[in-house]
Amino acid sequence: MDFVVTARKWRPKTFSEVVGQEHITVTLKNSIRNNRIAHAYLFTGPRGVGKTSTARIFAKVLNCLNSQDAEPCNICELCESIQSNQSLDIIEIVGNKLPHPATIFGLLALSVAIISFVGDLLNWQAVHPSDGSIITVNNLLSADGFRWIWTNIVYNFVNFPPLGYVLAVMVGVGVAEGAGLFNALIKALVIHTPKKIITASIVFTGILSHLASEAGYVILIPLGALIFHTLGRHPMAGLAAAFCGVSGGFGANLLIGSVDPILSGLSQSAAQIVDKSIYVNAAVNLYFMFFSCFVVVIVGTFVTEKIVEPRLGKYNGNAEKIPIEDITPIEKRGLAASLVAFVSVIALILIMVFSEWGILRNPKTGEILHSPFFDGIIIGILILFLIPGFVYGLTVGTIKNDKDFMKHITKSMSTLASYIVLVFFAAQFVYFFRYSNVGLIFAISGADFLSHVGLTGIPLIVAFVLLSAFINLFMGSASAKWAIMAPVFVPMFMFLGYHPALTQAAFRIGDSVTNLITPMMSYFALIVAFAQKYDENYGMGTIISTMLPYTFFLTIFWTLLLIVWMLLGLPLGPGGPLYL
């Protein structure tokens, strides 16, 4: 006999059996009797009050073949299938039951160790396509494997590429964000834009807000709703446009942001499973990301003005029109000073790179691509954030001395505590994968299989975009997803002749487009809260249904951009060719 939790065994089967929630059950029964079923319902409240039980009863009534007085019969085929958890139309998601991402990586590392034991026992092997050598499994649970684990745990952690990259970049980001540069820049870009292009401006600013970590979600999304409301347009349309840019356009940008070093570092670690000499810099997707901005802006503007806003109709809510605060004169001076600093830094870097005597060129060959500049591009990103942020802070008074300067950096670093913990376990998983040769054997076997079935070229890349988009529905963190996917797919695609830059670019599309419709996205609840300021009936279903057209069109046109890119044979960025 299968074990059944007591609470599930004895949970209510009809509305009349639900205790203490009469105001809810009566409302639901009336909506059924009057045939006024909403498109979505959100059941909230403390644990144990009957949210899941009530939702299941509601689902049974809607599907029941013999319902009477808005109650399920509990004896028909559909009722029984729902009751026994066999219905394909009813999925019960147990919230907050997934382990912490760090725990997941710990379990994955353990799984790799167990798989390496099985692989060694079964004598798994593969022939390396490049040199014809025989690849065998290194058993992590053998004496040699255990010694390797014992002596390399700390090494795996401190030498994990994304760790150092992110810590370095956050020094500059912390100063710019703490000084208030990002907040002022977002307000200036949106508020001082002509009304005709306000939608495009909001989407575009949302894309740029990736540089400011959480600023896009916390500032721009409610600001987008407020601007639309002030202009007499539907505030949900403004919220949707901002959400599209901030979250749907996550894989696009004009400049390199803090996520680029993370993804490129993971791609490099994965690529080195095949080729230890390969280097994946943070700018490998820069050209593609740049042009992706315009695709996201065009799609976001079109969907907002032609689909979402007409469907929403006229806003009849009673939300008060709050005046939008313009940037102050001192903030304007700060922005002007920071712009001068930014241009000066760019000019200095260009001189050091492109002049004949430039010290950041390759000292032996004079090359720019394979040069100290690209090898240390993280430092360039750091400076581009730090100097303008510092100048802005000095101008507006948010940085008065070295203590203020260090305070902003310290605050920025303090937000990375969970990330550092995650990296410790993710690093073990990645390096376990590499040492065991399990990933390499899987990659060779997978590449052989894909070649055998004929799934290569554009169909393969499109399939990978869709796979990434699907996985994104269930796992929010881009870095966590890529840390799991990269060790498998980057080497596999390398054996098919594709550079890690292409695999990473395809992942970034899929990782972006479904951000808009997944409750697993960490800021989704915040988006719902912003929407409820304008209509208390807005819930998760409202947000998902509103954002679904953005996901649909972004998936199509962003993928088409990548297809065109491949057909033209264009590099994805500096040091980022399509093929090996």
Protein backbone atom coordinates (compact mmCIF):
# COMPACT_ATOMS: atom_id res chain seq x y z
CA MET A 1 0.00 0.00 0.00
CA ASP A 2 1.31 3.45 -0.96
CA PHE A 3 1.87 5.86 1.93
CA VAL A 4 -0.45 8.85 1.98
CA VAL A 5 0.09 11.89 4.19
CA THR A 6 -2.77 12.14 6.69
CA ALA A 7 -3.60 15.72 5.68
CA ARG A 8 -4.01 14.61 2.08
CA LYS A 9 -6.00 11.50 2.96
CA TRP A 10 -8.57 13.43 4.97
CA ARG A 11 -8.62 16.70 3.00
CA PRO A 12 -12.13 18.06 2.17
CA LYS A 13 -13.75 16.70 -1.01
CA THR A 14 -16.58 19.24 -1.32
CA PHE A 15 -17.05 22.94 -0.54
CA SER A 16 -19.40 22.06 2.34
CA GLU A 17 -16.58 20.12 4.04
CA VAL A 18 -14.20 23.10 4.01
CA VAL A 19 -14.11 24.55 7.53
CA GLY A 20 -13.70 28.23 8.34
CA GLN A 21 -13.62 29.55 4.74
CA GLU A 22 -17.33 30.04 4.08
CA HIS A 23 -16.80 33.49 2.59
CA ILE A 24 -14.50 31.93 -0.01
CA THR A 25 -16.53 28.81 -0.78
CA VAL A 26 -19.78 30.80 -1.10
CA THR A 27 -18.10 33.22 -3.53
CA LEU A 28 -16.74 30.38 -5.64
CA LYS A 29 -20.06 28.52 -5.67
CA ASN A 30 -21.90 31.68 -6.72
CA SER A 31 -19.47 32.26 -9.59
CA ILE A 32 -20.13 28.69 -10.76
CA ARG A 33 -23.92 29.00 -10.45
CA ASN A 34 -23.94 32.28 -12.36
CA ASN A 35 -21.45 31.04 -14.97
CA ARG A 36 -19.09 33.92 -14.23
CA ILE A 37 -15.76 32.08 -14.02
CA ALA A 38 -12.68 34.29 -14.10
CA HIS A 39 -9.71 33.36 -16.29
CA ALA A 40 -7.49 32.81 -13.24
CA TYR A 41 -7.67 32.61 -9.44
CA LEU A 42 -4.96 33.17 -6.85
CA PHE A 43 -5.39 31.41 -3.49
CA THR A 44 -3.24 33.04 -0.80
CA GLY A 45 -2.89 32.77 2.95
CA PRO A 46 -0.95 31.03 5.73
CA ARG A 47 -0.14 27.35 5.58
CA GLY A 48 -2.96 24.99 6.52
CA VAL A 49 -5.98 27.23 5.88
CA GLY A 50 -7.22 25.13 2.96
CA LYS A 51 -5.85 26.87 -0.15
CA THR A 52 -4.90 23.69 -2.02
CA SER A 53 -7.99 21.76 -0.90
CA THR A 54 -10.31 24.55 -2.04
CA ALA A 55 -8.50 24.89 -5.36
CA ARG A 56 -8.79 21.14 -6.00
CA ILE A 57 -12.52 21.15 -5.19
CA PHE A 58 -12.97 24.12 -7.54
CA ALA A 59 -11.14 22.24 -10.30
CA LYS A 60 -13.32 19.16 -9.73
CA VAL A 61 -16.52 21.16 -10.02
CA LEU A 62 -15.41 22.75 -13.27
CA ASN A 63 -14.62 19.32 -14.74
CA CYS A 64 -17.32 17.23 -13.06
CA LEU A 65 -19.80 15.45 -15.33
CA ASN A 66 -22.57 15.35 -12.72
CA SER A 67 -22.11 18.44 -10.53
CA GLN A 68 -25.09 19.59 -8.52
CA ASP A 69 -25.52 22.94 -6.79
CA ALA A 70 -21.89 23.87 -7.58
CA GLU A 71 -20.55 20.79 -5.78
CA PRO A 72 -18.56 17.89 -7.35
CA CYS A 73 -20.16 14.47 -7.42
CA ASN A 74 -16.85 12.74 -6.50
CA ILE A 75 -17.95 9.57 -8.28
CA CYS A 76 -17.65 10.36 -12.00
CA GLU A 77 -14.56 9.47 -14.01
CA LEU A 78 -13.15 13.01 -14.02
CA CYS A 79 -13.67 13.55 -10.29
CA GLU A 80 -11.98 10.26 -9.48
CA SER A 81 -9.01 11.02 -11.73
CA ILE A 82 -8.51 14.39 -10.02
CA GLN A 83 -8.98 12.86 -6.59
CA SER A 84 -6.37 10.17 -7.29
CA ASN A 85 -3.88 12.64 -8.85
CA GLN A 86 -4.14 10.89 -12.23
CA SER A 87 -5.67 13.74 -14.19
CA LEU A 88 -3.38 15.20 -16.84
CA ASP A 89 -5.26 18.51 -16.63
CA ILE A 90 -4.64 19.11 -12.92
CA ILE A 91 -1.13 19.71 -11.67
CA GLU A 92 -0.52 20.35 -8.00
CA ILE A 93 2.65 22.33 -7.46
CA VAL A 94 3.93 22.16 -3.91
CA GLY A 95 5.36 25.61 -3.24
CA ASN A 96 8.62 26.18 -1.45
CA LYS A 97 9.47 22.50 -1.49
CA LEU A 98 12.36 22.77 -3.91
CA PRO A 99 15.74 22.70 -2.20
CA HIS A 100 17.96 25.76 -2.13
CA PRO A 101 19.95 26.10 -5.42
CA ALA A 102 23.17 25.51 -3.49
CA THR A 103 21.69 22.27 -2.15
CA ILE A 104 20.73 21.27 -5.70
CA PHE A 105 24.32 21.74 -6.85
CA GLY A 106 25.58 19.78 -3.87
CA LEU A 107 23.26 16.92 -4.80
CA LEU A 108 24.31 17.19 -8.44
CA ALA A 109 27.98 16.93 -7.43
CA LEU A 110 27.15 13.83 -5.40
CA SER A 111 25.21 12.44 -8.37
CA VAL A 112 28.24 12.95 -10.64
CA ALA A 113 30.36 10.99 -8.15
CA ILE A 114 27.85 8.12 -8.17
CA ILE A 115 27.55 8.20 -11.97
CA SER A 116 31.35 8.10 -12.28
CA PHE A 117 31.37 4.97 -10.12
CA VAL A 118 28.74 3.32 -12.33
CA GLY A 119 30.52 4.48 -15.49
CA ASP A 120 33.81 3.04 -14.30
CA LEU A 121 32.09 -0.22 -13.34
CA LEU A 122 30.46 -0.49 -16.78
CA ASN A 123 33.62 0.65 -18.58
CA TRP A 124 32.06 3.66 -20.31
CA GLN A 125 34.33 5.20 -22.92
CA ALA A 126 34.33 7.32 -26.03
CA VAL A 127 36.74 8.19 -28.84
CA HIS A 128 37.85 11.83 -28.85
CA PRO A 129 36.99 13.21 -32.33
CA SER A 130 40.03 15.48 -32.55
CA ASP A 131 42.93 13.18 -31.62
CA GLY A 132 41.37 9.69 -31.61
CA SER A 133 42.28 9.06 -27.96
CA ILE A 134 40.14 6.81 -25.79
CA ILE A 135 38.28 8.72 -23.05
CA THR A 136 37.47 6.66 -19.96
CA VAL A 137 35.68 7.52 -16.71
CA ASN A 138 37.65 8.69 -13.68
CA ASN A 139 35.87 7.21 -10.67
CA LEU A 140 35.40 9.91 -8.02
CA LEU A 141 34.56 7.27 -5.41
CA SER A 142 37.84 5.41 -5.89
CA ALA A 143 40.86 6.03 -3.68
CA ASP A 144 42.43 8.30 -6.32
CA GLY A 145 39.15 10.11 -6.82
CA PHE A 146 38.67 10.71 -3.12
CA ARG A 147 42.20 12.09 -2.83
CA TRP A 148 41.49 14.41 -5.74
CA ILE A 149 38.29 15.68 -4.07
CA TRP A 150 40.08 16.18 -0.74
CA THR A 151 42.87 18.27 -2.24
CA ASN A 152 40.84 20.23 -4.80
CA ILE A 153 37.66 21.45 -3.08
CA VAL A 154 39.19 24.82 -2.16
CA TYR A 155 40.97 25.04 -5.53
CA ASN A 156 37.69 24.41 -7.36
CA PHE A 157 36.04 27.25 -5.45
CA VAL A 158 38.68 29.98 -5.71
CA ASN A 159 39.53 29.18 -9.34
CA PHE A 160 35.95 29.09 -10.58
CA PRO A 161 36.00 31.84 -13.27
CA PRO A 162 32.60 33.48 -12.54
CA LEU A 163 33.50 34.12 -8.90
CA GLY A 164 36.37 36.52 -9.46
CA TYR A 165 34.73 38.15 -12.46
CA VAL A 166 31.56 39.01 -10.60
CA LEU A 167 33.31 40.20 -7.44
CA ALA A 168 35.47 42.54 -9.52
CA VAL A 169 32.57 43.96 -11.56
CA MET A 170 30.47 44.55 -8.44
CA VAL A 171 33.13 46.91 -7.09
CA GLY A 172 32.30 49.34 -9.91
CA VAL A 173 28.57 48.58 -9.95
CA GLY A 174 28.39 49.12 -6.18
CA VAL A 175 29.83 52.63 -6.45
CA ALA A 176 27.57 53.64 -9.36
CA GLU A 177 24.45 52.18 -7.74
CA GLY A 178 25.18 53.42 -4.23
CA ALA A 179 25.95 56.93 -5.46
CA GLY A 180 22.51 57.09 -7.12
CA LEU A 181 23.73 57.29 -10.72
CA PHE A 182 21.51 54.48 -11.99
CA ASN A 183 18.34 55.83 -10.39
CA ALA A 184 18.88 59.32 -11.82
CA LEU A 185 19.73 57.91 -15.24
CA ILE A 186 16.56 55.81 -15.40
CA LYS A 187 14.34 58.77 -14.44
CA ALA A 188 16.08 61.07 -16.93
CA LEU A 189 15.75 58.62 -19.82
CA VAL A 190 12.06 57.99 -19.26
CA ILE A 191 10.70 61.36 -18.09
CA HIS A 192 12.38 63.51 -20.72
CA THR A 193 11.23 61.44 -23.68
CA PRO A 194 8.63 62.70 -26.23
CA LYS A 195 5.17 61.17 -25.71
CA LYS A 196 5.18 59.58 -29.20
CA ILE A 197 8.08 57.32 -28.33
CA ILE A 198 7.41 56.90 -24.60
CA THR A 199 6.60 53.19 -24.96
CA ALA A 200 9.81 52.48 -26.86
CA SER A 201 11.72 54.59 -24.34
CA ILE A 202 10.39 52.58 -21.40
CA VAL A 203 11.26 49.25 -23.06
CA PHE A 204 14.71 50.53 -24.02
CA THR A 205 15.39 51.88 -20.53
CA GLY A 206 14.31 48.53 -19.13
CA ILE A 207 17.01 46.84 -21.21
CA LEU A 208 19.65 49.31 -20.02
CA SER A 209 18.54 48.82 -16.40
CA HIS A 210 20.29 45.41 -16.38
CA LEU A 211 23.41 47.41 -15.59
CA ALA A 212 21.83 48.47 -12.32
CA SER A 213 21.02 45.07 -10.84
CA GLU A 214 17.62 45.49 -9.10
CA ALA A 215 16.93 49.09 -10.13
CA GLY A 216 14.90 48.08 -13.17
CA TYR A 217 12.46 45.98 -11.16
CA VAL A 218 12.21 48.27 -8.17
CA ILE A 219 12.18 51.66 -9.94
CA LEU A 220 11.37 51.40 -13.63
CA ILE A 221 8.43 48.96 -13.59
CA PRO A 222 6.29 50.99 -11.16
CA LEU A 223 7.50 54.16 -12.90
CA GLY A 224 6.30 52.81 -16.27
CA ALA A 225 2.82 52.22 -14.83
CA LEU A 226 2.81 55.67 -13.23
CA ILE A 227 3.84 57.43 -16.46
CA PHE A 228 1.13 55.70 -18.50
CA HIS A 229 -1.47 56.53 -15.84
CA THR A 230 -0.40 60.20 -15.79
CA LEU A 231 -0.66 60.35 -19.60
CA GLY A 232 -4.20 58.96 -19.49
CA ARG A 233 -3.18 55.54 -20.75
CA HIS A 234 -3.74 52.21 -19.02
CA PRO A 235 -1.16 51.79 -16.23
CA MET A 236 -0.97 48.01 -16.77
CA ALA A 237 0.26 48.66 -20.31
CA GLY A 238 3.07 50.83 -18.95
CA LEU A 239 3.92 48.19 -16.37
CA ALA A 240 3.94 45.51 -19.08
CA ALA A 241 6.20 47.56 -21.37
CA ALA A 242 8.71 48.13 -18.56
CA PHE A 243 8.52 44.48 -17.50
CA CYS A 244 9.17 43.46 -21.10
CA GLY A 245 12.37 45.51 -21.24
CA VAL A 246 13.66 44.67 -17.78
CA SER A 247 12.96 40.94 -17.76
CA GLY A 248 12.03 39.87 -21.30
CA GLY A 249 15.05 41.68 -22.71
CA PHE A 250 17.42 40.26 -20.11
CA GLY A 251 19.68 38.74 -22.79
CA ALA A 252 20.05 42.01 -24.69
CA ASN A 253 22.13 45.08 -23.87
CA LEU A 254 24.20 47.85 -25.39
CA LEU A 255 27.01 47.33 -22.91
CA ILE A 256 28.45 44.43 -20.97
CA GLY A 257 26.73 43.95 -17.62
CA SER A 258 27.35 41.96 -14.46
CA VAL A 259 25.69 38.79 -15.84
CA ASP A 260 28.05 38.55 -18.83
CA PRO A 261 31.15 37.59 -16.80
CA ILE A 262 29.11 34.94 -14.99
CA LEU A 263 27.83 33.26 -18.15
CA SER A 264 31.13 33.53 -20.04
CA GLY A 265 33.02 32.11 -17.06
CA LEU A 266 30.68 29.13 -16.93
CA SER A 267 30.97 28.70 -20.71
CA GLN A 268 34.76 28.77 -20.45
CA SER A 269 34.80 26.14 -17.69
CA ALA A 270 32.51 23.94 -19.77
CA ALA A 271 34.50 24.46 -22.98
CA GLN A 272 37.72 23.50 -21.25
CA ILE A 273 36.32 20.02 -20.78
CA VAL A 274 37.09 19.65 -24.51
CA ASP A 275 39.85 22.19 -25.06
CA LYS A 276 41.83 23.43 -22.04
CA SER A 277 43.31 26.30 -24.04
CA ILE A 278 40.01 27.90 -25.04
CA TYR A 279 39.13 31.30 -23.60
CA VAL A 280 35.63 32.76 -23.51
CA ASN A 281 35.68 36.47 -22.70
CA ALA A 282 32.77 38.46 -21.28
CA ALA A 283 32.16 40.24 -24.61
CA VAL A 284 31.66 37.15 -26.82
CA ASN A 285 27.97 37.98 -27.36
CA LEU A 286 28.30 41.79 -27.43
CA TYR A 287 27.50 42.37 -31.14
CA PHE A 288 24.47 40.09 -31.01
CA MET A 289 23.30 41.57 -27.69
CA PHE A 290 23.57 45.08 -29.17
CA PHE A 291 21.33 44.35 -32.16
CA SER A 292 19.03 42.28 -29.94
CA CYS A 293 18.17 45.51 -28.11
CA PHE A 294 16.44 46.88 -31.19
CA VAL A 295 14.49 43.65 -31.72
CA VAL A 296 13.27 43.73 -28.11
CA VAL A 297 12.36 47.45 -28.34
CA ILE A 298 10.45 47.01 -31.63
CA VAL A 299 8.62 43.88 -30.45
CA GLY A 300 7.92 45.33 -27.01
CA THR A 301 6.54 48.57 -28.46
CA PHE A 302 4.41 46.77 -31.06
CA VAL A 303 2.90 44.30 -28.59
CA THR A 304 2.21 47.05 -26.03
CA GLU A 305 0.50 49.48 -28.42
CA LYS A 306 -1.19 47.07 -30.84
CA ILE A 307 -2.13 44.10 -28.65
CA VAL A 308 -1.91 44.65 -24.89
CA GLU A 309 -3.17 48.23 -24.54
CA PRO A 310 -6.19 47.82 -26.89
CA ARG A 311 -7.14 44.61 -25.07
CA LEU A 312 -6.92 46.33 -21.69
CA GLY A 313 -9.19 49.14 -22.89
CA LYS A 314 -9.72 52.31 -20.91
CA TYR A 315 -8.58 52.36 -17.31
CA ASN A 316 -11.56 52.98 -15.03
CA GLY A 317 -9.84 52.41 -11.72
CA ASN A 318 -9.69 54.93 -8.92
CA ALA A 319 -5.93 55.00 -8.45
CA GLU A 320 -4.71 58.52 -7.78
CA LYS A 321 -2.53 60.19 -10.40
CA ILE A 322 0.66 60.90 -8.51
CA PRO A 323 2.93 63.60 -9.96
CA ILE A 324 6.15 62.21 -11.38
CA GLU A 325 9.17 63.72 -9.71
CA ASP A 326 11.67 65.10 -12.17
CA ILE A 327 15.39 64.89 -11.57
CA THR A 328 16.68 67.76 -9.43
CA PRO A 329 19.15 70.40 -10.66
CA ILE A 330 21.94 68.79 -8.65
CA GLU A 331 21.13 65.40 -10.19
CA LYS A 332 21.34 67.01 -13.64
CA ARG A 333 24.80 68.35 -12.78
CA GLY A 334 25.76 64.91 -11.52
CA LEU A 335 24.59 63.24 -14.73
CA ALA A 336 26.48 65.80 -16.84
CA ALA A 337 29.66 65.27 -14.83
CA SER A 338 29.34 61.48 -14.97
CA LEU A 339 28.81 61.65 -18.76
CA VAL A 340 32.04 63.62 -19.14
CA ALA A 341 33.81 61.05 -16.95
CA PHE A 342 32.33 58.15 -18.97
CA VAL A 343 33.39 59.64 -22.32
CA SER A 344 36.86 60.41 -20.94
CA VAL A 345 37.32 56.81 -19.74
CA ILE A 346 36.14 55.44 -23.10
CA ALA A 347 38.52 57.78 -24.95
CA LEU A 348 41.46 56.76 -22.76
CA ILE A 349 40.74 53.04 -23.24
CA LEU A 350 40.41 53.50 -27.02
CA ILE A 351 43.78 55.26 -27.12
CA MET A 352 45.42 52.46 -25.13
CA VAL A 353 43.89 49.86 -27.46
CA PHE A 354 43.89 51.35 -30.95
CA SER A 355 46.93 53.63 -31.01
CA GLU A 356 50.13 52.16 -32.37
CA TRP A 357 51.81 52.54 -29.00
CA GLY A 358 48.76 51.35 -27.07
CA ILE A 359 49.83 49.38 -24.04
CA LEU A 360 46.71 47.19 -24.12
CA ARG A 361 47.48 45.78 -27.58
CA ASN A 362 49.27 42.46 -27.92
CA PRO A 363 52.91 43.48 -27.29
CA LYS A 364 54.25 40.82 -29.69
CA THR A 365 51.80 40.82 -32.59
CA GLY A 366 50.00 44.13 -32.16
CA GLU A 367 46.66 42.31 -32.26
CA ILE A 368 43.60 43.71 -30.54
CA LEU A 369 41.45 40.59 -30.30
CA HIS A 370 44.04 38.44 -28.57
CA SER A 371 45.42 41.15 -26.35
CA PRO A 372 45.66 42.27 -22.70
CA PHE A 373 42.57 44.41 -23.34
CA PHE A 374 40.25 41.45 -23.94
CA ASP A 375 42.09 39.22 -21.49
CA GLY A 376 41.35 41.79 -18.78
CA ILE A 377 38.10 43.22 -20.11
CA ILE A 378 36.53 42.74 -16.67
CA ILE A 379 38.77 45.54 -15.37
CA GLY A 380 37.53 47.77 -18.19
CA ILE A 381 33.93 47.08 -17.19
CA LEU A 382 34.79 47.80 -13.55
CA ILE A 383 36.31 51.20 -14.43
CA LEU A 384 33.39 52.17 -16.71
CA PHE A 385 31.05 51.80 -13.73
CA LEU A 386 33.38 53.02 -10.98
CA ILE A 387 34.71 56.33 -12.37
CA PRO A 388 31.37 57.82 -13.58
CA GLY A 389 29.69 56.59 -10.38
CA PHE A 390 32.41 58.17 -8.26
CA VAL A 391 32.18 61.49 -10.14
CA TYR A 392 28.37 61.48 -9.83
CA GLY A 393 28.59 60.81 -6.10
CA LEU A 394 31.10 63.63 -5.58
CA THR A 395 28.85 66.03 -7.52
CA VAL A 396 25.56 65.27 -5.74
CA GLY A 397 27.08 64.65 -2.32
CA THR A 398 26.41 60.92 -1.93
CA ILE A 399 30.17 60.36 -1.80
CA LYS A 400 31.89 62.84 0.51
CA ASN A 401 34.92 60.86 1.57
CA ASP A 402 36.66 57.51 1.28
CA LYS A 403 34.34 56.02 3.91
CA ASP A 404 31.29 56.69 1.72
CA PHE A 405 33.13 55.24 -1.26
CA MET A 406 33.96 52.03 0.59
CA LYS A 407 30.48 51.86 2.13
CA HIS A 408 28.89 51.58 -1.31
CA ILE A 409 31.32 48.85 -2.34
CA THR A 410 30.78 46.96 0.92
CA LYS A 411 26.99 47.17 0.54
CA SER A 412 27.25 45.85 -3.00
CA MET A 413 29.43 42.96 -1.88
CA SER A 414 27.08 42.11 0.99
CA THR A 415 24.34 41.33 -1.53
CA LEU A 416 26.55 38.59 -2.99
CA ALA A 417 26.61 36.38 0.11
CA SER A 418 24.06 33.91 -1.28
CA TYR A 419 25.81 33.98 -4.66
CA ILE A 420 29.17 33.07 -3.07
CA VAL A 421 27.57 30.14 -1.25
CA LEU A 422 25.94 29.03 -4.51
CA VAL A 423 29.26 29.29 -6.36
CA PHE A 424 31.02 27.07 -3.80
CA PHE A 425 28.72 24.15 -4.57
CA ALA A 426 28.30 24.96 -8.29
CA ALA A 427 32.10 24.93 -8.67
CA GLN A 428 32.31 21.46 -7.16
CA PHE A 429 29.65 20.18 -9.57
CA VAL A 430 31.40 21.67 -12.62
CA TYR A 431 34.88 20.46 -11.66
CA PHE A 432 33.59 17.03 -10.61
CA PHE A 433 32.01 16.82 -14.05
CA ARG A 434 35.27 17.78 -15.71
CA TYR A 435 37.54 15.46 -13.68
CA SER A 436 35.28 12.42 -14.04
CA ASN A 437 35.16 12.70 -17.86
CA VAL A 438 31.45 11.90 -17.58
CA GLY A 439 30.54 15.19 -19.23
CA LEU A 440 33.05 14.64 -22.04
CA ILE A 441 31.71 11.14 -22.76
CA PHE A 442 28.10 12.40 -22.66
CA ALA A 443 29.03 15.27 -24.98
CA ILE A 444 30.73 12.99 -27.53
CA SER A 445 27.85 10.49 -27.40
CA GLY A 446 25.25 13.26 -27.62
CA ALA A 447 27.01 14.89 -30.56
CA ASP A 448 27.17 11.53 -32.36
CA PHE A 449 23.46 10.98 -31.72
CA LEU A 450 22.47 14.45 -32.99
CA SER A 451 24.58 13.96 -36.11
CA HIS A 452 23.02 10.53 -36.65
CA VAL A 453 19.44 11.85 -36.47
CA GLY A 454 20.36 14.88 -38.56
CA LEU A 455 19.58 17.51 -35.92
CA THR A 456 22.31 20.04 -36.62
CA GLY A 457 22.65 23.59 -37.85
CA ILE A 458 19.73 26.00 -37.47
CA PRO A 459 17.15 23.36 -36.35
CA LEU A 460 19.48 22.34 -33.52
CA ILE A 461 20.00 25.92 -32.35
CA VAL A 462 16.25 26.67 -32.50
CA ALA A 463 15.55 23.50 -30.50
CA PHE A 464 18.09 24.60 -27.89
CA VAL A 465 16.46 28.04 -27.62
CA LEU A 466 13.10 26.38 -26.96
CA LEU A 467 14.63 23.94 -24.47
CA SER A 468 16.23 26.83 -22.55
CA ALA A 469 12.93 28.71 -22.57
CA PHE A 470 11.10 25.66 -21.21
CA ILE A 471 13.62 25.05 -18.42
CA ASN A 472 13.42 28.73 -17.50
CA LEU A 473 9.77 28.24 -16.56
CA PHE A 474 10.86 26.09 -13.61
CA MET A 475 14.23 27.54 -12.60
CA GLY A 476 14.62 31.28 -12.30
CA SER A 477 18.34 31.92 -11.86
CA ALA A 478 20.20 32.34 -15.18
CA SER A 479 23.56 31.51 -13.64
CA ALA A 480 22.20 28.43 -11.86
CA LYS A 481 20.59 27.12 -15.08
CA TRP A 482 23.70 27.76 -17.15
CA ALA A 483 25.91 26.14 -14.52
CA ILE A 484 23.88 22.95 -15.00
CA MET A 485 23.38 23.16 -18.77
CA ALA A 486 26.76 24.47 -19.92
CA PRO A 487 28.88 21.42 -18.92
CA VAL A 488 26.62 19.22 -21.08
CA PHE A 489 25.65 21.37 -24.06
CA VAL A 490 28.75 23.52 -24.61
CA PRO A 491 31.07 20.50 -25.13
CA MET A 492 28.38 18.65 -27.10
CA PHE A 493 27.93 21.56 -29.50
CA MET A 494 31.70 22.02 -29.73
CA PHE A 495 32.00 18.49 -31.10
CA LEU A 496 29.47 19.53 -33.74
CA GLY A 497 31.69 22.47 -34.66
CA TYR A 498 29.88 25.31 -32.81
CA HIS A 499 31.75 27.85 -30.71
CA PRO A 500 30.64 28.28 -27.06
CA ALA A 501 29.60 31.84 -27.93
CA LEU A 502 26.78 30.49 -30.15
CA THR A 503 25.54 28.04 -27.53
CA GLN A 504 25.58 30.82 -24.92
CA ALA A 505 23.71 33.24 -27.21
CA ALA A 506 20.97 30.67 -27.90
CA PHE A 507 20.66 30.03 -24.16
CA ARG A 508 20.32 33.74 -23.43
CA ILE A 509 17.36 34.07 -25.78
CA GLY A 510 15.52 31.17 -24.17
CA ASP A 511 16.47 32.34 -20.69
CA SER A 512 14.93 35.76 -21.37
CA VAL A 513 11.66 35.26 -23.21
CA THR A 514 9.86 33.15 -20.59
CA ASN A 515 10.93 35.33 -17.65
CA LEU A 516 7.71 37.24 -18.26
CA ILE A 517 5.34 34.33 -17.64
CA THR A 518 6.98 32.22 -14.96
CA PRO A 519 6.08 32.64 -11.26
CA MET A 520 9.52 31.16 -10.54
CA MET A 521 11.06 34.51 -11.50
CA SER A 522 12.19 36.01 -8.18
CA TYR A 523 10.50 39.39 -8.72
CA PHE A 524 7.17 38.03 -9.97
CA ALA A 525 5.39 38.61 -6.67
CA LEU A 526 6.66 42.19 -6.65
CA ILE A 527 5.22 42.74 -10.14
CA VAL A 528 1.83 41.50 -8.90
CA ALA A 529 2.03 43.93 -5.97
CA PHE A 530 2.76 46.85 -8.33
CA ALA A 531 -0.22 45.89 -10.50
CA GLN A 532 -2.56 45.67 -7.50
CA LYS A 533 -1.98 49.35 -6.76
CA TYR A 534 -4.17 50.04 -9.78
CA ASP A 535 -6.62 47.16 -9.42
CA GLU A 536 -6.76 44.95 -6.32
CA ASN A 537 -8.20 42.14 -8.45
CA TYR A 538 -5.04 41.84 -10.49
CA GLY A 539 -3.23 38.63 -9.65
CA MET A 540 -0.69 36.19 -11.00
CA GLY A 541 -3.04 35.06 -13.77
CA THR A 542 -3.57 38.64 -14.91
CA ILE A 543 0.17 39.24 -15.20
CA ILE A 544 0.81 35.98 -17.05
CA SER A 545 -2.03 36.51 -19.54
CA THR A 546 -0.92 40.11 -20.14
CA MET A 547 2.71 39.16 -20.74
CA LEU A 548 2.06 36.05 -22.85
CA PRO A 549 1.99 37.97 -26.19
CA TYR A 550 5.41 39.45 -25.38
CA THR A 551 6.85 35.96 -24.80
CA PHE A 552 5.29 34.67 -28.04
CA PHE A 553 6.57 37.44 -30.31
CA LEU A 554 9.96 37.80 -28.61
CA THR A 555 10.59 34.07 -29.02
CA ILE A 556 9.79 34.23 -32.73
CA PHE A 557 11.62 37.40 -33.74
CA TRP A 558 14.63 37.05 -31.44
CA THR A 559 15.18 33.51 -32.69
CA LEU A 560 14.80 34.77 -36.27
CA LEU A 561 17.54 37.31 -35.56
CA LEU A 562 19.85 34.50 -34.49
CA ILE A 563 18.96 32.50 -37.60
CA VAL A 564 19.75 35.49 -39.84
CA TRP A 565 22.99 35.97 -37.89
CA MET A 566 23.98 32.37 -38.60
CA LEU A 567 23.03 32.58 -42.28
CA LEU A 568 25.20 35.68 -42.67
CA GLY A 569 28.06 34.08 -40.75
CA LEU A 570 28.52 37.12 -38.49
CA PRO A 571 30.62 36.99 -35.30
CA LEU A 572 28.55 37.20 -32.12
CA GLY A 573 31.10 39.43 -30.44
CA PRO A 574 34.86 39.99 -30.06
CA GLY A 575 36.37 36.53 -29.84
CA GLY A 576 32.92 35.05 -30.39
CA PRO A 577 32.72 33.33 -33.80
CA LEU A 578 29.84 31.05 -34.73
CA TYR A 579 32.03 28.07 -35.42
CA LEU A 580 35.26 26.65 -34.08
